Structures are given as structure tokens and as C-alpha cells.
Amino acid sequence: MDFLKLAKKFKKDEDGAVTVDWVVLTAAIVGLGIAVIASVRAGTETLGGAISDAVATQAVGG
């Protein structure tokens, strides 16, 4: 197979375009996941601290 035929076949092939689409979609999903974690993190740390303090001050016994 000579280089010219290989170049024409490469030009017609669309598998690479589909791969790029999937990579972009995956990157967007990962980015959204990171954004959600970053926005929820502070609230969960504050809530966890409040729960920890409330449990620590409770008296156990009878």
C-alpha cells in the first residue's frame, strides 16, 4: 500500500472524530464532578464538625 492510498484512507476514516467526541464528553463529566465536589465539600466539612461537636458533648451513662 503506497502512501497516497494510506493518506486517502486516513482522510475518509471518521473513527478518530468519534474518539475525540467521547474524550470531550468524558472530560466534561469529570469536570462537572470535580465542580460538584468542590462546591459541596465546605458544607459537608462544616456539618461534620457540628455533628462531631454535638456527639462529643453528649453524656453517656445512667
C-alpha atoms as a PDB file:
ATOM      1  CA  MET A   1       0.000   0.000   0.000  1.00  0.00           C
ATOM      2  CA  ASP A   2       1.576   3.241  -1.017  1.00  0.00           C
ATOM      3  CA  PHE A   3       1.476   6.438   0.968  1.00  0.00           C
ATOM      4  CA  LEU A   4      -1.143   8.122  -1.259  1.00  0.00           C
ATOM      5  CA  LYS A   5      -3.691   5.335  -0.700  1.00  0.00           C
ATOM      6  CA  LEU A   6      -2.964   5.376   3.017  1.00  0.00           C
ATOM      7  CA  ALA A   7      -3.477   9.154   3.139  1.00  0.00           C
ATOM      8  CA  LYS A   8      -6.822   8.899   1.304  1.00  0.00           C
ATOM      9  CA  LYS A   9      -7.997   6.146   3.639  1.00  0.00           C
ATOM     10  CA  PHE A  10      -6.985   8.227   6.669  1.00  0.00           C
ATOM     11  CA  LYS A  11      -8.886  11.228   5.297  1.00  0.00           C
ATOM     12  CA  LYS A  12     -12.106   9.189   4.876  1.00  0.00           C
ATOM     13  CA  ASP A  13     -11.848   7.475   8.264  1.00  0.00           C
ATOM     14  CA  GLU A  14     -14.112   9.054  10.900  1.00  0.00           C
ATOM     15  CA  ASP A  15     -13.222   6.854  13.876  1.00  0.00           C
ATOM     16  CA  GLY A  16     -10.855   9.500  15.206  1.00  0.00           C
ATOM     17  CA  ALA A  17     -13.617  12.115  15.244  1.00  0.00           C
ATOM     18  CA  VAL A  18     -15.825   9.833  17.319  1.00  0.00           C
ATOM     19  CA  THR A  19     -12.958   9.253  19.720  1.00  0.00           C
ATOM     20  CA  VAL A  20     -12.454  12.993  20.124  1.00  0.00           C
ATOM     21  CA  ASP A  21     -16.165  13.409  20.850  1.00  0.00           C
ATOM     22  CA  TRP A  22     -16.024  10.779  23.588  1.00  0.00           C
ATOM     23  CA  VAL A  23     -12.895  12.305  25.093  1.00  0.00           C
ATOM     24  CA  VAL A  24     -14.534  15.738  25.213  1.00  0.00           C
ATOM     25  CA  LEU A  25     -17.719  14.337  26.769  1.00  0.00           C
ATOM     26  CA  THR A  26     -15.736  12.378  29.345  1.00  0.00           C
ATOM     27  CA  ALA A  27     -13.676  15.445  30.225  1.00  0.00           C
ATOM     28  CA  ALA A  28     -16.872  17.467  30.668  1.00  0.00           C
ATOM     29  CA  ILE A  29     -18.353  14.849  33.005  1.00  0.00           C
ATOM     30  CA  VAL A  30     -15.151  14.688  35.046  1.00  0.00           C
ATOM     31  CA  GLY A  31     -15.047  18.492  35.213  1.00  0.00           C
ATOM     32  CA  LEU A  32     -18.633  18.655  36.437  1.00  0.00           C
ATOM     33  CA  GLY A  33     -17.888  16.019  39.048  1.00  0.00           C
ATOM     34  CA  ILE A  34     -14.914  17.984  40.344  1.00  0.00           C
ATOM     35  CA  ALA A  35     -17.000  21.178  40.428  1.00  0.00           C
ATOM     36  CA  VAL A  36     -19.733  19.449  42.432  1.00  0.00           C
ATOM     37  CA  ILE A  37     -17.233  18.019  44.900  1.00  0.00           C
ATOM     38  CA  ALA A  38     -15.587  21.414  45.336  1.00  0.00           C
ATOM     39  CA  SER A  39     -18.894  23.164  45.992  1.00  0.00           C
ATOM     40  CA  VAL A  40     -20.246  20.547  48.401  1.00  0.00           C
ATOM     41  CA  ARG A  41     -17.003  19.948  50.304  1.00  0.00           C
ATOM     42  CA  ALA A  42     -17.132  23.032  52.554  1.00  0.00           C
ATOM     43  CA  GLY A  43     -20.722  22.373  53.595  1.00  0.00           C
ATOM     44  CA  THR A  44     -20.096  18.744  54.441  1.00  0.00           C
ATOM     45  CA  GLU A  45     -16.983  19.598  56.463  1.00  0.00           C
ATOM     46  CA  THR A  46     -18.952  22.188  58.452  1.00  0.00           C
ATOM     47  CA  LEU A  47     -21.836  19.783  59.010  1.00  0.00           C
ATOM     48  CA  GLY A  48     -19.448  17.001  60.027  1.00  0.00           C
ATOM     49  CA  GLY A  49     -17.768  19.279  62.541  1.00  0.00           C
ATOM     50  CA  ALA A  50     -21.124  20.301  64.020  1.00  0.00           C
ATOM     51  CA  ILE A  51     -22.204  16.673  64.350  1.00  0.00           C
ATOM     52  CA  SER A  52     -18.871  15.749  65.921  1.00  0.00           C
ATOM     53  CA  ASP A  53     -19.178  18.554  68.467  1.00  0.00           C
ATOM     54  CA  ALA A  54     -22.772  17.593  69.294  1.00  0.00           C
ATOM     55  CA  VAL A  55     -21.871  13.940  69.818  1.00  0.00           C
ATOM     56  CA  ALA A  56     -18.811  14.822  71.903  1.00  0.00           C
ATOM     57  CA  THR A  57     -20.855  16.898  74.343  1.00  0.00           C
ATOM     58  CA  GLN A  58     -23.453  14.214  74.985  1.00  0.00           C
ATOM     59  CA  ALA A  59     -23.240  12.400  78.270  1.00  0.00           C
ATOM     60  CA  VAL A  60     -23.459   8.630  78.246  1.00  0.00           C
ATOM     61  CA  GLY A  61     -24.475   6.744  81.317  1.00  0.00           C
ATOM     62  CA  GLY A  62     -27.181   6.152  83.711  1.00  0.00           C
END
